[in-house]
PDB file of N, CA and C in Angstrom:
ATOM      1  N   MET A   1      95.377  78.350 102.248  1.00  0.00           N
ATOM      2  CA  MET A   1      96.531  78.423 101.376  1.00  0.00           C
ATOM      3  C   MET A   1      97.754  78.881 102.175  1.00  0.00           C
ATOM      4  N   THR A   2      98.903  78.389 101.791  1.00  0.00           N
ATOM      5  CA  THR A   2     100.148  78.874 102.377  1.00  0.00           C
ATOM      6  C   THR A   2     100.462  80.249 101.771  1.00  0.00           C
ATOM      7  N   PRO A   3     101.360  81.016 102.395  1.00  0.00           N
ATOM      8  CA  PRO A   3     101.737  82.303 101.796  1.00  0.00           C
ATOM      9  C   PRO A   3     102.268  82.163 100.366  1.00  0.00           C
ATOM     10  N   LEU A   4     103.077  81.144 100.104  1.00  0.00           N
ATOM     11  CA  LEU A   4     103.582  80.939  98.736  1.00  0.00           C
ATOM     12  C   LEU A   4     102.436  80.664  97.765  1.00  0.00           C
ATOM     13  N   GLU A   5     101.481  79.856  98.185  1.00  0.00           N
ATOM     14  CA  GLU A   5     100.327  79.558  97.329  1.00  0.00           C
ATOM     15  C   GLU A   5      99.497  80.817  97.079  1.00  0.00           C
ATOM     16  N   THR A   6      99.349  81.650  98.101  1.00  0.00           N
ATOM     17  CA  THR A   6      98.600  82.893  97.955  1.00  0.00           C
ATOM     18  C   THR A   6      99.250  83.787  96.906  1.00  0.00           C
ATOM     19  N   VAL A   7     100.567  83.947  96.982  1.00  0.00           N
ATOM     20  CA  VAL A   7     101.265  84.800  96.015  1.00  0.00           C
ATOM     21  C   VAL A   7     101.190  84.196  94.615  1.00  0.00           C
ATOM     22  N   ARG A   8     101.340  82.914  94.493  1.00  0.00           N
ATOM     23  CA  ARG A   8     101.203  82.276  93.169  1.00  0.00           C
ATOM     24  C   ARG A   8      99.804  82.505  92.601  1.00  0.00           C
ATOM     25  N   GLU A   9      98.806  82.469  93.475  1.00  0.00           N
ATOM     26  CA  GLU A   9      97.430  82.706  93.037  1.00  0.00           C
ATOM     27  C   GLU A   9      97.231  84.172  92.644  1.00  0.00           C
ATOM     28  N   VAL A  10      97.919  85.095  93.313  1.00  0.00           N
ATOM     29  CA  VAL A  10      97.868  86.505  92.920  1.00  0.00           C
ATOM     30  C   VAL A  10      98.373  86.657  91.486  1.00  0.00           C
ATOM     31  N   TYR A  11      99.504  86.011  91.173  1.00  0.00           N
ATOM     32  CA  TYR A  11     100.041  86.090  89.804  1.00  0.00           C
ATOM     33  C   TYR A  11      99.077  85.459  88.803  1.00  0.00           C
ATOM     34  N   ARG A  12      98.468  84.352  89.171  1.00  0.00           N
ATOM     35  CA  ARG A  12      97.500  83.725  88.269  1.00  0.00           C
ATOM     36  C   ARG A  12      96.348  84.684  87.986  1.00  0.00           C
ATOM     37  N   ALA A  13      95.829  85.301  89.048  1.00  0.00           N
ATOM     38  CA  ALA A  13      94.709  86.228  88.889  1.00  0.00           C
ATOM     39  C   ALA A  13      95.106  87.428  88.023  1.00  0.00           C
ATOM     40  N   MET A  14      96.304  87.966  88.239  1.00  0.00           N
ATOM     41  CA  MET A  14      96.766  89.100  87.436  1.00  0.00           C
ATOM     42  C   MET A  14      96.844  88.724  85.962  1.00  0.00           C
ATOM     43  N   ARG A  15      97.447  87.581  85.688  1.00  0.00           N
ATOM     44  CA  ARG A  15      97.616  87.157  84.283  1.00  0.00           C
ATOM     45  C   ARG A  15      96.291  86.874  83.602  1.00  0.00           C
ATOM     46  N   ALA A  16      95.330  86.366  84.366  1.00  0.00           N
ATOM     47  CA  ALA A  16      94.025  86.017  83.804  1.00  0.00           C
ATOM     48  C   ALA A  16      93.068  87.201  83.747  1.00  0.00           C
ATOM     49  N   GLY A  17      93.482  88.347  84.302  1.00  0.00           N
ATOM     50  CA  GLY A  17      92.555  89.474  84.370  1.00  0.00           C
ATOM     51  C   GLY A  17      91.405  89.205  85.310  1.00  0.00           C
ATOM     52  N   ASP A  18      91.661  88.364  86.307  1.00  0.00           N
ATOM     53  CA  ASP A  18      90.644  87.974  87.288  1.00  0.00           C
ATOM     54  C   ASP A  18      90.641  88.986  88.432  1.00  0.00           C
ATOM     55  N   ASP A  19      89.956  90.115  88.198  1.00  0.00           N
ATOM     56  CA  ASP A  19      89.933  91.187  89.192  1.00  0.00           C
ATOM     57  C   ASP A  19      89.315  90.741  90.515  1.00  0.00           C
ATOM     58  N   ALA A  20      88.239  89.973  90.450  1.00  0.00           N
ATOM     59  CA  ALA A  20      87.587  89.501  91.674  1.00  0.00           C
ATOM     60  C   ALA A  20      88.511  88.554  92.440  1.00  0.00           C
ATOM     61  N   GLY A  21      89.208  87.696  91.716  1.00  0.00           N
ATOM     62  CA  GLY A  21      90.150  86.781  92.359  1.00  0.00           C
ATOM     63  C   GLY A  21      91.290  87.524  93.024  1.00  0.00           C
ATOM     64  N   PHE A  22      91.838  88.549  92.330  1.00  0.00           N
ATOM     65  CA  PHE A  22      92.901  89.362  92.908  1.00  0.00           C
ATOM     66  C   PHE A  22      92.400  90.066  94.165  1.00  0.00           C
ATOM     67  N   THR A  23      91.252  90.695  94.073  1.00  0.00           N
ATOM     68  CA  THR A  23      90.692  91.443  95.198  1.00  0.00           C
ATOM     69  C   THR A  23      90.464  90.540  96.407  1.00  0.00           C
ATOM     70  N   ALA A  24      90.003  89.329  96.176  1.00  0.00           N
ATOM     71  CA  ALA A  24      89.736  88.391  97.269  1.00  0.00           C
ATOM     72  C   ALA A  24      91.010  87.985  98.011  1.00  0.00           C
ATOM     73  N   LEU A  25      92.167  88.109  97.370  1.00  0.00           N
ATOM     74  CA  LEU A  25      93.442  87.723  97.979  1.00  0.00           C
ATOM     75  C   LEU A  25      94.110  88.864  98.736  1.00  0.00           C
ATOM     76  N   CYS A  26      93.480  90.043  98.721  1.00  0.00           N
ATOM     77  CA  CYS A  26      94.065  91.237  99.337  1.00  0.00           C
ATOM     78  C   CYS A  26      93.211  91.729 100.501  1.00  0.00           C
ATOM     79  N   THR A  27      93.882  92.346 101.477  1.00  0.00           N
ATOM     80  CA  THR A  27      93.152  92.978 102.573  1.00  0.00           C
ATOM     81  C   THR A  27      92.502  94.261 102.054  1.00  0.00           C
ATOM     82  N   ASP A  28      91.499  94.741 102.776  1.00  0.00           N
ATOM     83  CA  ASP A  28      90.821  95.980 102.381  1.00  0.00           C
ATOM     84  C   ASP A  28      91.763  97.180 102.423  1.00  0.00           C
ATOM     85  N   ASP A  29      92.770  97.126 103.295  1.00  0.00           N
ATOM     86  CA  ASP A  29      93.704  98.249 103.442  1.00  0.00           C
ATOM     87  C   ASP A  29      95.033  98.009 102.708  1.00  0.00           C
ATOM     88  N   LEU A  30      94.985  97.264 101.621  1.00  0.00           N
ATOM     89  CA  LEU A  30      96.168  96.961 100.819  1.00  0.00           C
ATOM     90  C   LEU A  30      96.950  98.226 100.478  1.00  0.00           C
ATOM     91  N   VAL A  31      98.284  98.149 100.632  1.00  0.00           N
ATOM     92  CA  VAL A  31      99.193  99.213 100.201  1.00  0.00           C
ATOM     93  C   VAL A  31     100.112  98.609  99.146  1.00  0.00           C
ATOM     94  N   TRP A  32     100.143  99.212  97.955  1.00  0.00           N
ATOM     95  CA  TRP A  32     100.904  98.695  96.814  1.00  0.00           C
ATOM     96  C   TRP A  32     101.934  99.745  96.420  1.00  0.00           C
ATOM     97  N   GLN A  33     103.200  99.480  96.693  1.00  0.00           N
ATOM     98  CA  GLN A  33     104.269 100.445  96.462  1.00  0.00           C
ATOM     99  C   GLN A  33     105.139 100.018  95.285  1.00  0.00           C
ATOM    100  N   GLN A  34     105.183 100.864  94.275  1.00  0.00           N
ATOM    101  CA  GLN A  34     106.054 100.624  93.125  1.00  0.00           C
ATOM    102  C   GLN A  34     107.293 101.502  93.274  1.00  0.00           C
ATOM    103  N   SER A  35     108.394 101.065  92.674  1.00  0.00           N
ATOM    104  CA  SER A  35     109.614 101.862  92.690  1.00  0.00           C
ATOM    105  C   SER A  35     109.316 103.263  92.178  1.00  0.00           C
ATOM    106  N   ALA A  36     109.939 104.257  92.813  1.00  0.00           N
ATOM    107  CA  ALA A  36     109.710 105.651  92.419  1.00  0.00           C
ATOM    108  C   ALA A  36     110.053 105.891  90.953  1.00  0.00           C
ATOM    109  N   GLY A  37     111.076 105.223  90.425  1.00  0.00           N
ATOM    110  CA  GLY A  37     111.481 105.423  89.042  1.00  0.00           C
ATOM    111  C   GLY A  37     110.737 104.573  88.030  1.00  0.00           C
ATOM    112  N   PHE A  38     109.831 103.729  88.488  1.00  0.00           N
ATOM    113  CA  PHE A  38     109.050 102.864  87.603  1.00  0.00           C
ATOM    114  C   PHE A  38     108.093 103.734  86.785  1.00  0.00           C
ATOM    115  N   PRO A  39     107.931 103.486  85.493  1.00  0.00           N
ATOM    116  CA  PRO A  39     106.966 104.268  84.712  1.00  0.00           C
ATOM    117  C   PRO A  39     105.565 104.193  85.343  1.00  0.00           C
ATOM    118  N   GLY A  40     105.047 105.326  85.755  1.00  0.00           N
ATOM    119  CA  GLY A  40     103.759 105.370  86.427  1.00  0.00           C
ATOM    120  C   GLY A  40     103.837 104.959  87.881  1.00  0.00           C
ATOM    121  N   GLY A  41     105.039 104.801  88.407  1.00  0.00           N
ATOM    122  CA  GLY A  41     105.235 104.323  89.768  1.00  0.00           C
ATOM    123  C   GLY A  41     104.661 105.260  90.816  1.00  0.00           C
ATOM    124  N   SER A  42     104.103 104.664  91.836  1.00  0.00           N
ATOM    125  CA  SER A  42     103.492 105.415  92.924  1.00  0.00           C
ATOM    126  C   SER A  42     103.130 104.431  94.021  1.00  0.00           C
ATOM    127  N   THR A  43     102.441 104.911  95.031  1.00  0.00           N
ATOM    128  CA  THR A  43     101.879 104.052  96.069  1.00  0.00           C
ATOM    129  C   THR A  43     100.368 104.105  95.931  1.00  0.00           C
ATOM    130  N   TRP A  44      99.754 102.922  95.857  1.00  0.00           N
ATOM    131  CA  TRP A  44      98.317 102.815  95.644  1.00  0.00           C
ATOM    132  C   TRP A  44      97.674 102.172  96.868  1.00  0.00           C
ATOM    133  N   GLN A  45      96.471 102.586  97.182  1.00  0.00           N
ATOM    134  CA  GLN A  45      95.720 102.066  98.327  1.00  0.00           C
ATOM    135  C   GLN A  45      94.506 101.296  97.819  1.00  0.00           C
ATOM    136  N   GLY A  46      94.408 100.027  98.188  1.00  0.00           N
ATOM    137  CA  GLY A  46      93.250  99.221  97.834  1.00  0.00           C
ATOM    138  C   GLY A  46      93.385  98.511  96.500  1.00  0.00           C
ATOM    139  N   ALA A  47      92.718  97.357  96.407  1.00  0.00           N
ATOM    140  CA  ALA A  47      92.811  96.517  95.212  1.00  0.00           C
ATOM    141  C   ALA A  47      92.278  97.214  93.966  1.00  0.00           C
ATOM    142  N   THR A  48      91.196  97.965  94.079  1.00  0.00           N
ATOM    143  CA  THR A  48      90.626  98.640  92.913  1.00  0.00           C
ATOM    144  C   THR A  48      91.613  99.635  92.317  1.00  0.00           C
ATOM    145  N   ALA A  49      92.298 100.403  93.166  1.00  0.00           N
ATOM    146  CA  ALA A  49      93.297 101.361  92.683  1.00  0.00           C
ATOM    147  C   ALA A  49      94.451 100.640  91.999  1.00  0.00           C
ATOM    148  N   VAL A  50      94.851  99.484  92.515  1.00  0.00           N
ATOM    149  CA  VAL A  50      95.937  98.706  91.918  1.00  0.00           C
ATOM    150  C   VAL A  50      95.517  98.186  90.545  1.00  0.00           C
ATOM    151  N   ILE A  51      94.332  97.654  90.461  1.00  0.00           N
ATOM    152  CA  ILE A  51      93.836  97.125  89.186  1.00  0.00           C
ATOM    153  C   ILE A  51      93.839  98.219  88.118  1.00  0.00           C
ATOM    154  N   GLU A  52      93.304  99.387  88.453  1.00  0.00           N
ATOM    155  CA  GLU A  52      93.191 100.468  87.473  1.00  0.00           C
ATOM    156  C   GLU A  52      94.528 101.148  87.181  1.00  0.00           C
ATOM    157  N   ASN A  53      95.294 101.464  88.216  1.00  0.00           N
ATOM    158  CA  ASN A  53      96.491 102.293  88.059  1.00  0.00           C
ATOM    159  C   ASN A  53      97.781 101.523  87.838  1.00  0.00           C
ATOM    160  N   VAL A  54      97.736 100.217  88.046  1.00  0.00           N
ATOM    161  CA  VAL A  54      98.922  99.396  87.826  1.00  0.00           C
ATOM    162  C   VAL A  54      98.668  98.420  86.675  1.00  0.00           C
ATOM    163  N   PHE A  55      97.751  97.489  86.877  1.00  0.00           N
ATOM    164  CA  PHE A  55      97.542  96.447  85.867  1.00  0.00           C
ATOM    165  C   PHE A  55      97.046  97.023  84.539  1.00  0.00           C
ATOM    166  N   ARG A  56      95.996  97.844  84.579  1.00  0.00           N
ATOM    167  CA  ARG A  56      95.446  98.418  83.346  1.00  0.00           C
ATOM    168  C   ARG A  56      96.455  99.382  82.705  1.00  0.00           C
ATOM    169  N   ALA A  57      97.154 100.163  83.537  1.00  0.00           N
ATOM    170  CA  ALA A  57      98.141 101.114  83.006  1.00  0.00           C
ATOM    171  C   ALA A  57      99.298 100.391  82.328  1.00  0.00           C
ATOM    172  N   ASN A  58      99.794  99.308  82.937  1.00  0.00           N
ATOM    173  CA  ASN A  58     100.878  98.550  82.303  1.00  0.00           C
ATOM    174  C   ASN A  58     100.434  97.943  80.982  1.00  0.00           C
ATOM    175  N   ALA A  59      99.196  97.492  80.914  1.00  0.00           N
ATOM    176  CA  ALA A  59      98.680  96.902  79.675  1.00  0.00           C
ATOM    177  C   ALA A  59      98.593  97.954  78.563  1.00  0.00           C
ATOM    178  N   LYS A  60      98.377  99.215  78.936  1.00  0.00           N
ATOM    179  CA  LYS A  60      98.333 100.293  77.939  1.00  0.00           C
ATOM    180  C   LYS A  60      99.734 100.764  77.563  1.00  0.00           C
ATOM    181  N   ARG A  61     100.636 100.769  78.536  1.00  0.00           N
ATOM    182  CA  ARG A  61     101.987 101.286  78.333  1.00  0.00           C
ATOM    183  C   ARG A  61     102.862 100.315  77.540  1.00  0.00           C
ATOM    184  N   TRP A  62     102.556  99.000  77.645  1.00  0.00           N
ATOM    185  CA  TRP A  62     103.392  97.960  77.035  1.00  0.00           C
ATOM    186  C   TRP A  62     102.542  96.979  76.253  1.00  0.00           C
ATOM    187  N   THR A  63     103.093  96.471  75.175  1.00  0.00           N
ATOM    188  CA  THR A  63     102.504  95.341  74.470  1.00  0.00           C
ATOM    189  C   THR A  63     103.165  94.091  75.030  1.00  0.00           C
ATOM    190  N   GLY A  64     102.355  93.129  75.435  1.00  0.00           N
ATOM    191  CA  GLY A  64     102.898  91.879  75.959  1.00  0.00           C
ATOM    192  C   GLY A  64     103.600  92.024  77.294  1.00  0.00           C
ATOM    193  N   PHE A  65     103.193  92.999  78.107  1.00  0.00           N
ATOM    194  CA  PHE A  65     103.828  93.183  79.413  1.00  0.00           C
ATOM    195  C   PHE A  65     103.621  91.930  80.263  1.00  0.00           C
ATOM    196  N   SER A  66     104.715  91.452  80.863  1.00  0.00           N
ATOM    197  CA  SER A  66     104.591  90.279  81.728  1.00  0.00           C
ATOM    198  C   SER A  66     105.679  90.280  82.789  1.00  0.00           C
ATOM    199  N   PHE A  67     105.424  89.519  83.825  1.00  0.00           N
ATOM    200  CA  PHE A  67     106.403  89.286  84.879  1.00  0.00           C
ATOM    201  C   PHE A  67     106.672  87.788  84.901  1.00  0.00           C
ATOM    202  N   THR A  68     107.944  87.429  84.875  1.00  0.00           N
ATOM    203  CA  THR A  68     108.352  86.029  84.931  1.00  0.00           C
ATOM    204  C   THR A  68     109.043  85.780  86.254  1.00  0.00           C
ATOM    205  N   GLU A  69     108.509  84.846  87.038  1.00  0.00           N
ATOM    206  CA  GLU A  69     109.118  84.494  88.318  1.00  0.00           C
ATOM    207  C   GLU A  69     110.317  83.592  88.075  1.00  0.00           C
ATOM    208  N   GLU A  70     111.407  83.884  88.765  1.00  0.00           N
ATOM    209  CA  GLU A  70     112.597  83.047  88.676  1.00  0.00           C
ATOM    210  C   GLU A  70     112.877  82.341  89.999  1.00  0.00           C
ATOM    211  N   GLU A  71     112.595  83.009  91.112  1.00  0.00           N
ATOM    212  CA  GLU A  71     112.734  82.418  92.441  1.00  0.00           C
ATOM    213  C   GLU A  71     111.622  82.942  93.329  1.00  0.00           C
ATOM    214  N   ILE A  72     111.146  82.084  94.228  1.00  0.00           N
ATOM    215  CA  ILE A  72     110.129  82.500  95.188  1.00  0.00           C
ATOM    216  C   ILE A  72     110.445  81.828  96.519  1.00  0.00           C
ATOM    217  N   PHE A  73     110.421  82.618  97.581  1.00  0.00           N
ATOM    218  CA  PHE A  73     110.696  82.067  98.909  1.00  0.00           C
ATOM    219  C   PHE A  73     110.012  82.944  99.944  1.00  0.00           C
ATOM    220  N   GLY A  74     109.794  82.394 101.126  1.00  0.00           N
ATOM    221  CA  GLY A  74     109.115  83.200 102.123  1.00  0.00           C
ATOM    222  C   GLY A  74     108.986  82.563 103.485  1.00  0.00           C
ATOM    223  N   THR A  75     108.292  83.295 104.336  1.00  0.00           N
ATOM    224  CA  THR A  75     108.001  82.891 105.704  1.00  0.00           C
ATOM    225  C   THR A  75     106.486  82.849 105.862  1.00  0.00           C
ATOM    226  N   SER A  76     106.038  82.810 107.087  1.00  0.00           N
ATOM    227  CA  SER A  76     104.588  82.767 107.330  1.00  0.00           C
ATOM    228  C   SER A  76     103.913  84.109 107.066  1.00  0.00           C
ATOM    229  N   SER A  77     104.686  85.188 106.962  1.00  0.00           N
ATOM    230  CA  SER A  77     104.065  86.501 106.757  1.00  0.00           C
ATOM    231  C   SER A  77     104.703  87.334 105.646  1.00  0.00           C
ATOM    232  N   ARG A  78     105.739  86.812 104.997  1.00  0.00           N
ATOM    233  CA  ARG A  78     106.399  87.573 103.924  1.00  0.00           C
ATOM    234  C   ARG A  78     106.860  86.622 102.831  1.00  0.00           C
ATOM    235  N   VAL A  79     106.644  87.033 101.580  1.00  0.00           N
ATOM    236  CA  VAL A  79     107.089  86.258 100.421  1.00  0.00           C
ATOM    237  C   VAL A  79     107.877  87.191  99.508  1.00  0.00           C
ATOM    238  N   VAL A  80     109.023  86.714  99.049  1.00  0.00           N
ATOM    239  CA  VAL A  80     109.877  87.468  98.123  1.00  0.00           C
ATOM    240  C   VAL A  80     109.921  86.704  96.804  1.00  0.00           C
ATOM    241  N   VAL A  81     109.734  87.439  95.718  1.00  0.00           N
ATOM    242  CA  VAL A  81     109.762  86.845  94.386  1.00  0.00           C
ATOM    243  C   VAL A  81     110.768  87.631  93.549  1.00  0.00           C
ATOM    244  N   LEU A  82     111.721  86.907  92.979  1.00  0.00           N
ATOM    245  CA  LEU A  82     112.704  87.508  92.080  1.00  0.00           C
ATOM    246  C   LEU A  82     112.360  87.107  90.658  1.00  0.00           C
ATOM    247  N   GLY A  83     112.521  88.029  89.731  1.00  0.00           N
ATOM    248  CA  GLY A  83     112.210  87.720  88.346  1.00  0.00           C
ATOM    249  C   GLY A  83     112.502  88.890  87.439  1.00  0.00           C
ATOM    250  N   HIS A  84     111.740  88.964  86.349  1.00  0.00           N
ATOM    251  CA  HIS A  84     111.940  90.071  85.416  1.00  0.00           C
ATOM    252  C   HIS A  84     110.641  90.444  84.718  1.00  0.00           C
ATOM    253  N   TYR A  85     110.553  91.727  84.375  1.00  0.00           N
ATOM    254  CA  TYR A  85     109.481  92.228  83.530  1.00  0.00           C
ATOM    255  C   TYR A  85     109.961  92.173  82.092  1.00  0.00           C
ATOM    256  N   SER A  86     109.028  92.012  81.175  1.00  0.00           N
ATOM    257  CA  SER A  86     109.336  92.129  79.758  1.00  0.00           C
ATOM    258  C   SER A  86     108.123  92.717  79.054  1.00  0.00           C
ATOM    259  N   GLY A  87     108.373  93.282  77.909  1.00  0.00           N
ATOM    260  CA  GLY A  87     107.310  93.882  77.118  1.00  0.00           C
ATOM    261  C   GLY A  87     107.915  94.755  76.047  1.00  0.00           C
ATOM    262  N   THR A  88     107.061  95.283  75.197  1.00  0.00           N
ATOM    263  CA  THR A  88     107.485  96.142  74.104  1.00  0.00           C
ATOM    264  C   THR A  88     106.681  97.433  74.158  1.00  0.00           C
ATOM    265  N   SER A  89     107.366  98.541  74.006  1.00  0.00           N
ATOM    266  CA  SER A  89     106.684  99.834  73.963  1.00  0.00           C
ATOM    267  C   SER A  89     105.989  99.981  72.615  1.00  0.00           C
ATOM    268  N   PRO A  90     104.663 100.164  72.600  1.00  0.00           N
ATOM    269  CA  PRO A  90     103.996 100.342  71.311  1.00  0.00           C
ATOM    270  C   PRO A  90     104.378 101.669  70.649  1.00  0.00           C
ATOM    271  N   ALA A  91     104.804 102.643  71.445  1.00  0.00           N
ATOM    272  CA  ALA A  91     105.175 103.952  70.893  1.00  0.00           C
ATOM    273  C   ALA A  91     106.498 103.911  70.144  1.00  0.00           C
ATOM    274  N   THR A  92     107.455 103.083  70.631  1.00  0.00           N
ATOM    275  CA  THR A  92     108.789 103.057  70.016  1.00  0.00           C
ATOM    276  C   THR A  92     109.103 101.746  69.315  1.00  0.00           C
ATOM    277  N   GLY A  93     108.376 100.687  69.641  1.00  0.00           N
ATOM    278  CA  GLY A  93     108.664  99.366  69.092  1.00  0.00           C
ATOM    279  C   GLY A  93     109.838  98.681  69.772  1.00  0.00           C
ATOM    280  N   LYS A  94     110.391  99.309  70.816  1.00  0.00           N
ATOM    281  CA  LYS A  94     111.542  98.756  71.521  1.00  0.00           C
ATOM    282  C   LYS A  94     111.090  97.803  72.631  1.00  0.00           C
ATOM    283  N   ALA A  95     111.798  96.677  72.726  1.00  0.00           N
ATOM    284  CA  ALA A  95     111.510  95.692  73.771  1.00  0.00           C
ATOM    285  C   ALA A  95     112.378  95.977  74.995  1.00  0.00           C
ATOM    286  N   MET A  96     111.902  95.503  76.141  1.00  0.00           N
ATOM    287  CA  MET A  96     112.688  95.632  77.361  1.00  0.00           C
ATOM    288  C   MET A  96     112.603  94.350  78.164  1.00  0.00           C
ATOM    289  N   ARG A  97     113.610  94.191  79.006  1.00  0.00           N
ATOM    290  CA  ARG A  97     113.648  93.120  80.012  1.00  0.00           C
ATOM    291  C   ARG A  97     114.326  93.742  81.227  1.00  0.00           C
ATOM    292  N   ALA A  98     113.634  93.776  82.359  1.00  0.00           N
ATOM    293  CA  ALA A  98     114.127  94.461  83.547  1.00  0.00           C
ATOM    294  C   ALA A  98     114.053  93.551  84.766  1.00  0.00           C
ATOM    295  N   ALA A  99     115.164  93.468  85.492  1.00  0.00           N
ATOM    296  CA  ALA A  99     115.205  92.675  86.727  1.00  0.00           C
ATOM    297  C   ALA A  99     114.322  93.331  87.781  1.00  0.00           C
ATOM    298  N   VAL A 100     113.659  92.486  88.589  1.00  0.00           N
ATOM    299  CA  VAL A 100     112.737  93.016  89.596  1.00  0.00           C
ATOM    300  C   VAL A 100     112.646  92.075  90.784  1.00  0.00           C
ATOM    301  N   ALA A 101     112.367  92.655  91.940  1.00  0.00           N
ATOM    302  CA  ALA A 101     112.053  91.889  93.151  1.00  0.00           C
ATOM    303  C   ALA A 101     110.708  92.375  93.669  1.00  0.00           C
ATOM    304  N   HIS A 102     109.845  91.448  94.017  1.00  0.00           N
ATOM    305  CA  HIS A 102     108.553  91.750  94.624  1.00  0.00           C
ATOM    306  C   HIS A 102     108.596  91.238  96.060  1.00  0.00           C
ATOM    307  N   VAL A 103     108.137  92.058  96.985  1.00  0.00           N
ATOM    308  CA  VAL A 103     108.057  91.664  98.389  1.00  0.00           C
ATOM    309  C   VAL A 103     106.605  91.813  98.822  1.00  0.00           C
ATOM    310  N   TYR A 104     106.020  90.702  99.245  1.00  0.00           N
ATOM    311  CA  TYR A 104     104.634  90.680  99.700  1.00  0.00           C
ATOM    312  C   TYR A 104     104.597  90.463 101.205  1.00  0.00           C
ATOM    313  N   ASP A 105     103.829  91.283 101.905  1.00  0.00           N
ATOM    314  CA  ASP A 105     103.554  91.053 103.312  1.00  0.00           C
ATOM    315  C   ASP A 105     102.124  90.568 103.409  1.00  0.00           C
ATOM    316  N   LEU A 106     101.925  89.537 104.245  1.00  0.00           N
ATOM    317  CA  LEU A 106     100.603  88.944 104.402  1.00  0.00           C
ATOM    318  C   LEU A 106     100.118  89.097 105.837  1.00  0.00           C
ATOM    319  N   ARG A 107      98.819  89.270 105.963  1.00  0.00           N
ATOM    320  CA  ARG A 107      98.158  89.320 107.268  1.00  0.00           C
ATOM    321  C   ARG A 107      96.914  88.448 107.179  1.00  0.00           C
ATOM    322  N   GLU A 108      96.841  87.484 108.049  1.00  0.00           N
ATOM    323  CA  GLU A 108      95.700  86.559 108.080  1.00  0.00           C
ATOM    324  C   GLU A 108      95.456  85.929 106.707  1.00  0.00           C
ATOM    325  N   GLY A 109      96.551  85.583 106.032  1.00  0.00           N
ATOM    326  CA  GLY A 109      96.463  84.866 104.772  1.00  0.00           C
ATOM    327  C   GLY A 109      96.216  85.711 103.538  1.00  0.00           C
ATOM    328  N   LYS A 110      96.162  87.040 103.699  1.00  0.00           N
ATOM    329  CA  LYS A 110      95.911  87.915 102.553  1.00  0.00           C
ATOM    330  C   LYS A 110      97.054  88.914 102.396  1.00  0.00           C
ATOM    331  N   ILE A 111      97.218  89.390 101.175  1.00  0.00           N
ATOM    332  CA  ILE A 111      98.245  90.379 100.882  1.00  0.00           C
ATOM    333  C   ILE A 111      97.814  91.714 101.481  1.00  0.00           C
ATOM    334  N   CYS A 112      98.670  92.288 102.344  1.00  0.00           N
ATOM    335  CA  CYS A 112      98.362  93.599 102.919  1.00  0.00           C
ATOM    336  C   CYS A 112      99.318  94.678 102.415  1.00  0.00           C
ATOM    337  N   ARG A 113     100.510  94.251 101.933  1.00  0.00           N
ATOM    338  CA  ARG A 113     101.460  95.220 101.387  1.00  0.00           C
ATOM    339  C   ARG A 113     102.305  94.557 100.308  1.00  0.00           C
ATOM    340  N   PHE A 114     102.546  95.316  99.254  1.00  0.00           N
ATOM    341  CA  PHE A 114     103.401  94.898  98.155  1.00  0.00           C
ATOM    342  C   PHE A 114     104.445  95.987  97.965  1.00  0.00           C
ATOM    343  N   ARG A 115     105.703  95.564  97.817  1.00  0.00           N
ATOM    344  CA  ARG A 115     106.784  96.495  97.492  1.00  0.00           C
ATOM    345  C   ARG A 115     107.537  95.943  96.293  1.00  0.00           C
ATOM    346  N   MET A 116     107.819  96.822  95.340  1.00  0.00           N
ATOM    347  CA  MET A 116     108.505  96.423  94.120  1.00  0.00           C
ATOM    348  C   MET A 116     109.813  97.190  94.026  1.00  0.00           C
ATOM    349  N   PHE A 117     110.869  96.456  93.680  1.00  0.00           N
ATOM    350  CA  PHE A 117     112.187  97.043  93.473  1.00  0.00           C
ATOM    351  C   PHE A 117     112.639  96.603  92.086  1.00  0.00           C
ATOM    352  N   ALA A 118     112.796  97.562  91.177  1.00  0.00           N
ATOM    353  CA  ALA A 118     113.071  97.198  89.783  1.00  0.00           C
ATOM    354  C   ALA A 118     114.207  98.011  89.196  1.00  0.00           C
ATOM    355  N   ASP A 119     114.927  97.391  88.281  1.00  0.00           N
ATOM    356  CA  ASP A 119     115.900  98.089  87.462  1.00  0.00           C
ATOM    357  C   ASP A 119     115.101  98.753  86.348  1.00  0.00           C
ATOM    358  N   THR A 120     114.770 100.014  86.525  1.00  0.00           N
ATOM    359  CA  THR A 120     113.874 100.688  85.587  1.00  0.00           C
ATOM    360  C   THR A 120     114.585 101.258  84.361  1.00  0.00           C
ATOM    361  N   HIS A 121     115.907 101.257  84.366  1.00  0.00           N
ATOM    362  CA  HIS A 121     116.649 101.815  83.224  1.00  0.00           C
ATOM    363  C   HIS A 121     116.252 101.160  81.898  1.00  0.00           C
ATOM    364  N   PRO A 122     116.187  99.812  81.816  1.00  0.00           N
ATOM    365  CA  PRO A 122     115.772  99.206  80.529  1.00  0.00           C
ATOM    366  C   PRO A 122     114.354  99.607  80.115  1.00  0.00           C
ATOM    367  N   MET A 123     113.501  99.889  81.074  1.00  0.00           N
ATOM    368  CA  MET A 123     112.133 100.283  80.749  1.00  0.00           C
ATOM    369  C   MET A 123     112.114 101.670  80.108  1.00  0.00           C
ATOM    370  N   TRP A 124     112.847 102.600  80.734  1.00  0.00           N
ATOM    371  CA  TRP A 124     112.883 103.951  80.203  1.00  0.00           C
ATOM    372  C   TRP A 124     113.591 103.996  78.848  1.00  0.00           C
ATOM    373  N   GLU A 125     114.593 103.157  78.654  1.00  0.00           N
ATOM    374  CA  GLU A 125     115.243 103.105  77.332  1.00  0.00           C
ATOM    375  C   GLU A 125     114.252 102.653  76.258  1.00  0.00           C
ATOM    376  N   ALA A 126     113.425 101.673  76.596  1.00  0.00           N
ATOM    377  CA  ALA A 126     112.429 101.184  75.634  1.00  0.00           C
ATOM    378  C   ALA A 126     111.354 102.214  75.355  1.00  0.00           C
ATOM    379  N   LEU A 127     111.031 103.044  76.341  1.00  0.00           N
ATOM    380  CA  LEU A 127     109.996 104.052  76.166  1.00  0.00           C
ATOM    381  C   LEU A 127     110.501 105.305  75.455  1.00  0.00           C
ATOM    382  N   SER A 128     111.819 105.475  75.399  1.00  0.00           N
ATOM    383  CA  SER A 128     112.403 106.681  74.789  1.00  0.00           C
ATOM    384  C   SER A 128     112.594 106.513  73.282  1.00  0.00           C
ATOM    385  N   ALA A 129     112.233 107.537  72.570  1.00  0.00           N
ATOM    386  CA  ALA A 129     112.365 107.507  71.094  1.00  0.00           C
ATOM    387  C   ALA A 129     113.813 107.624  70.668  1.00  0.00           C
TER     388      ALA A 129
END
């Protein structure tokens, strides 16, 4: 797979809840960095930690949480995806839409590092009563 195809497959696996598929696309030493201001944001090590602390946590924090890709471009070792998050806080009933950039670094065809840069203000507004 090309780097762009790998990243597209990562999104497919995330949306489908295909944990094995996601894990197979990542290196064993995966580093997943979320914006410091992102709800639950942190740096996670390994695919299992990402699945539990990012994907499962977002599904609990938001109803209908999703990422929509608007642009994707890259090189042989880095892919950048621009888009937006959307979802509704079940606690407040407020919806959000937040601009985001994802940066993937690849090594030997697998994701070894993810960095997320997001406008978290709309997220916190939706989470606030």
